Amino acid sequence: MTFLCRSDELDDPGSLGLDEQGLFVVKRDGQVFAYRNNCPHLGVELNWLEHQFLDADNALIQCATHGALFVIESGECVAGPCLGQALEAVAICERDGEVHLA
């Protein structure tokens, strides 16, 4: 298993970019989700600031380039030019306070 981060590095809700892997993780309601840092519309990275992947309300993942909004739990786009598409989810597991690729 590949170590990604410690669970306590994530605010709830919060996000963390993992540049070496080209991924980011989001924690919400005690659950951690991981996605490729790649917008399905333009193929660009989603964040414009380090570790900033959520909208102002910390309710949705937001693409900084064109404002598309994605559901944290599924990666589905619910607003913006890639409506109906989804972020590429990455299988992870959380064990002993650490997040790993599954």
C-alpha atoms as a PDB file:
ATOM      1  CA  MET A   1       0.000   0.000   0.000  1.00  0.00           C
ATOM      2  CA  THR A   2       1.136   3.500  -0.809  1.00  0.00           C
ATOM      3  CA  PHE A   3       0.943   6.018   2.047  1.00  0.00           C
ATOM      4  CA  LEU A   4      -0.831   9.263   1.096  1.00  0.00           C
ATOM      5  CA  CYS A   5      -1.294  11.255   4.304  1.00  0.00           C
ATOM      6  CA  ARG A   6      -2.222  11.080   7.957  1.00  0.00           C
ATOM      7  CA  SER A   7      -5.944  11.374   8.663  1.00  0.00           C
ATOM      8  CA  ASP A   8      -5.312  14.181  11.159  1.00  0.00           C
ATOM      9  CA  GLU A   9      -3.779  16.313   8.369  1.00  0.00           C
ATOM     10  CA  LEU A  10      -7.289  16.774   6.988  1.00  0.00           C
ATOM     11  CA  ASP A  11      -9.782  19.239   8.401  1.00  0.00           C
ATOM     12  CA  ASP A  12     -13.399  18.059   8.342  1.00  0.00           C
ATOM     13  CA  PRO A  13     -14.484  19.342   5.913  1.00  0.00           C
ATOM     14  CA  GLY A  14     -11.177  19.941   4.191  1.00  0.00           C
ATOM     15  CA  SER A  15      -8.917  18.968   1.322  1.00  0.00           C
ATOM     16  CA  LEU A  16      -5.273  18.183   0.712  1.00  0.00           C
ATOM     17  CA  GLY A  17      -3.382  18.096  -2.581  1.00  0.00           C
ATOM     18  CA  LEU A  18      -0.959  15.243  -3.145  1.00  0.00           C
ATOM     19  CA  ASP A  19       1.145  16.587  -6.000  1.00  0.00           C
ATOM     20  CA  GLU A  20       3.540  13.644  -6.218  1.00  0.00           C
ATOM     21  CA  GLN A  21       0.640  11.300  -6.959  1.00  0.00           C
ATOM     22  CA  GLY A  22      -1.430  13.790  -8.980  1.00  0.00           C
ATOM     23  CA  LEU A  23      -4.272  13.284  -6.503  1.00  0.00           C
ATOM     24  CA  PHE A  24      -6.193  15.125  -3.844  1.00  0.00           C
ATOM     25  CA  VAL A  25      -8.143  13.902  -0.849  1.00  0.00           C
ATOM     26  CA  VAL A  26     -11.225  15.415   0.763  1.00  0.00           C
ATOM     27  CA  LYS A  27     -12.609  14.700   4.202  1.00  0.00           C
ATOM     28  CA  ARG A  28     -16.262  15.249   5.028  1.00  0.00           C
ATOM     29  CA  ASP A  29     -18.336  13.884   7.895  1.00  0.00           C
ATOM     30  CA  GLY A  30     -15.454  11.647   8.940  1.00  0.00           C
ATOM     31  CA  GLN A  31     -15.092  10.000   5.521  1.00  0.00           C
ATOM     32  CA  VAL A  32     -12.119  10.475   3.185  1.00  0.00           C
ATOM     33  CA  PHE A  33     -12.449  10.500  -0.611  1.00  0.00           C
ATOM     34  CA  ALA A  34      -9.650  10.627  -3.201  1.00  0.00           C
ATOM     35  CA  TYR A  35      -9.679  11.829  -6.810  1.00  0.00           C
ATOM     36  CA  ARG A  36      -7.244  12.489  -9.633  1.00  0.00           C
ATOM     37  CA  ASN A  37      -6.479  16.213  -9.769  1.00  0.00           C
ATOM     38  CA  ASN A  38      -7.833  16.549 -13.281  1.00  0.00           C
ATOM     39  CA  CYS A  39     -10.969  18.382 -14.415  1.00  0.00           C
ATOM     40  CA  PRO A  40     -13.001  16.281 -16.887  1.00  0.00           C
ATOM     41  CA  HIS A  41     -13.796  19.412 -18.935  1.00  0.00           C
ATOM     42  CA  LEU A  42     -10.353  20.849 -19.708  1.00  0.00           C
ATOM     43  CA  GLY A  43      -7.960  18.318 -18.208  1.00  0.00           C
ATOM     44  CA  VAL A  44      -6.436  20.983 -15.927  1.00  0.00           C
ATOM     45  CA  GLU A  45      -5.709  20.769 -12.209  1.00  0.00           C
ATOM     46  CA  LEU A  46      -8.709  21.751 -10.110  1.00  0.00           C
ATOM     47  CA  ASN A  47      -6.994  23.895  -7.483  1.00  0.00           C
ATOM     48  CA  TRP A  48      -5.556  27.377  -7.870  1.00  0.00           C
ATOM     49  CA  LEU A  49      -4.134  27.532  -4.348  1.00  0.00           C
ATOM     50  CA  GLU A  50      -2.253  24.732  -2.654  1.00  0.00           C
ATOM     51  CA  HIS A  51      -4.668  22.269  -1.019  1.00  0.00           C
ATOM     52  CA  GLN A  52      -7.714  24.398  -1.963  1.00  0.00           C
ATOM     53  CA  PHE A  53     -10.247  22.154  -3.711  1.00  0.00           C
ATOM     54  CA  LEU A  54     -13.513  23.097  -1.999  1.00  0.00           C
ATOM     55  CA  ASP A  55     -15.948  25.938  -2.660  1.00  0.00           C
ATOM     56  CA  ALA A  56     -16.407  28.798  -0.175  1.00  0.00           C
ATOM     57  CA  ASP A  57     -18.986  26.798   1.824  1.00  0.00           C
ATOM     58  CA  ASN A  58     -16.812  23.631   1.936  1.00  0.00           C
ATOM     59  CA  ALA A  59     -19.817  21.813   0.479  1.00  0.00           C
ATOM     60  CA  LEU A  60     -18.573  20.900  -3.019  1.00  0.00           C
ATOM     61  CA  ILE A  61     -15.322  20.389  -4.911  1.00  0.00           C
ATOM     62  CA  GLN A  62     -14.770  23.346  -7.247  1.00  0.00           C
ATOM     63  CA  CYS A  63     -12.656  23.689 -10.370  1.00  0.00           C
ATOM     64  CA  ALA A  64     -10.741  26.957 -10.081  1.00  0.00           C
ATOM     65  CA  THR A  65     -10.479  27.356 -13.867  1.00  0.00           C
ATOM     66  CA  HIS A  66     -14.178  27.561 -14.761  1.00  0.00           C
ATOM     67  CA  GLY A  67     -16.093  27.052 -11.502  1.00  0.00           C
ATOM     68  CA  ALA A  68     -17.530  23.588 -12.155  1.00  0.00           C
ATOM     69  CA  LEU A  69     -18.880  22.021  -8.959  1.00  0.00           C
ATOM     70  CA  PHE A  70     -18.557  18.353  -8.002  1.00  0.00           C
ATOM     71  CA  VAL A  71     -20.233  16.311  -5.250  1.00  0.00           C
ATOM     72  CA  ILE A  72     -17.610  15.360  -2.643  1.00  0.00           C
ATOM     73  CA  GLU A  73     -18.893  11.820  -2.115  1.00  0.00           C
ATOM     74  CA  SER A  74     -19.202  10.813  -5.799  1.00  0.00           C
ATOM     75  CA  GLY A  75     -17.164  13.288  -7.868  1.00  0.00           C
ATOM     76  CA  GLU A  76     -20.219  13.924 -10.085  1.00  0.00           C
ATOM     77  CA  CYS A  77     -20.359  17.364 -11.716  1.00  0.00           C
ATOM     78  CA  VAL A  78     -23.578  19.148 -10.717  1.00  0.00           C
ATOM     79  CA  ALA A  79     -22.849  22.605 -12.197  1.00  0.00           C
ATOM     80  CA  GLY A  80     -20.640  23.945 -14.960  1.00  0.00           C
ATOM     81  CA  PRO A  81     -19.525  22.963 -18.450  1.00  0.00           C
ATOM     82  CA  CYS A  82     -18.850  19.306 -17.581  1.00  0.00           C
ATOM     83  CA  LEU A  83     -22.333  18.706 -16.126  1.00  0.00           C
ATOM     84  CA  GLY A  84     -23.031  14.980 -15.862  1.00  0.00           C
ATOM     85  CA  GLN A  85     -19.358  13.997 -16.050  1.00  0.00           C
ATOM     86  CA  ALA A  86     -17.351  13.029 -12.974  1.00  0.00           C
ATOM     87  CA  LEU A  87     -13.937  13.250 -11.423  1.00  0.00           C
ATOM     88  CA  GLU A  88     -11.874  10.060 -11.529  1.00  0.00           C
ATOM     89  CA  ALA A  89     -12.160   8.438  -8.104  1.00  0.00           C
ATOM     90  CA  VAL A  90      -9.169   6.639  -6.607  1.00  0.00           C
ATOM     91  CA  ALA A  91      -9.587   3.685  -4.252  1.00  0.00           C
ATOM     92  CA  ILE A  92      -8.157   4.384  -0.797  1.00  0.00           C
ATOM     93  CA  CYS A  93      -8.301   2.847   2.640  1.00  0.00           C
ATOM     94  CA  GLU A  94      -7.921   4.417   6.043  1.00  0.00           C
ATOM     95  CA  ARG A  95      -6.093   2.416   8.690  1.00  0.00           C
ATOM     96  CA  ASP A  96      -4.459   3.332  11.999  1.00  0.00           C
ATOM     97  CA  GLY A  97      -4.893   7.056  11.350  1.00  0.00           C
ATOM     98  CA  GLU A  98      -3.334   6.905   7.875  1.00  0.00           C
ATOM     99  CA  VAL A  99      -4.766   7.121   4.353  1.00  0.00           C
ATOM    100  CA  HIS A 100      -3.300   4.733   1.761  1.00  0.00           C
ATOM    101  CA  LEU A 101      -3.972   3.822  -1.853  1.00  0.00           C
ATOM    102  CA  ALA A 102      -5.991   0.604  -1.815  1.00  0.00           C
END
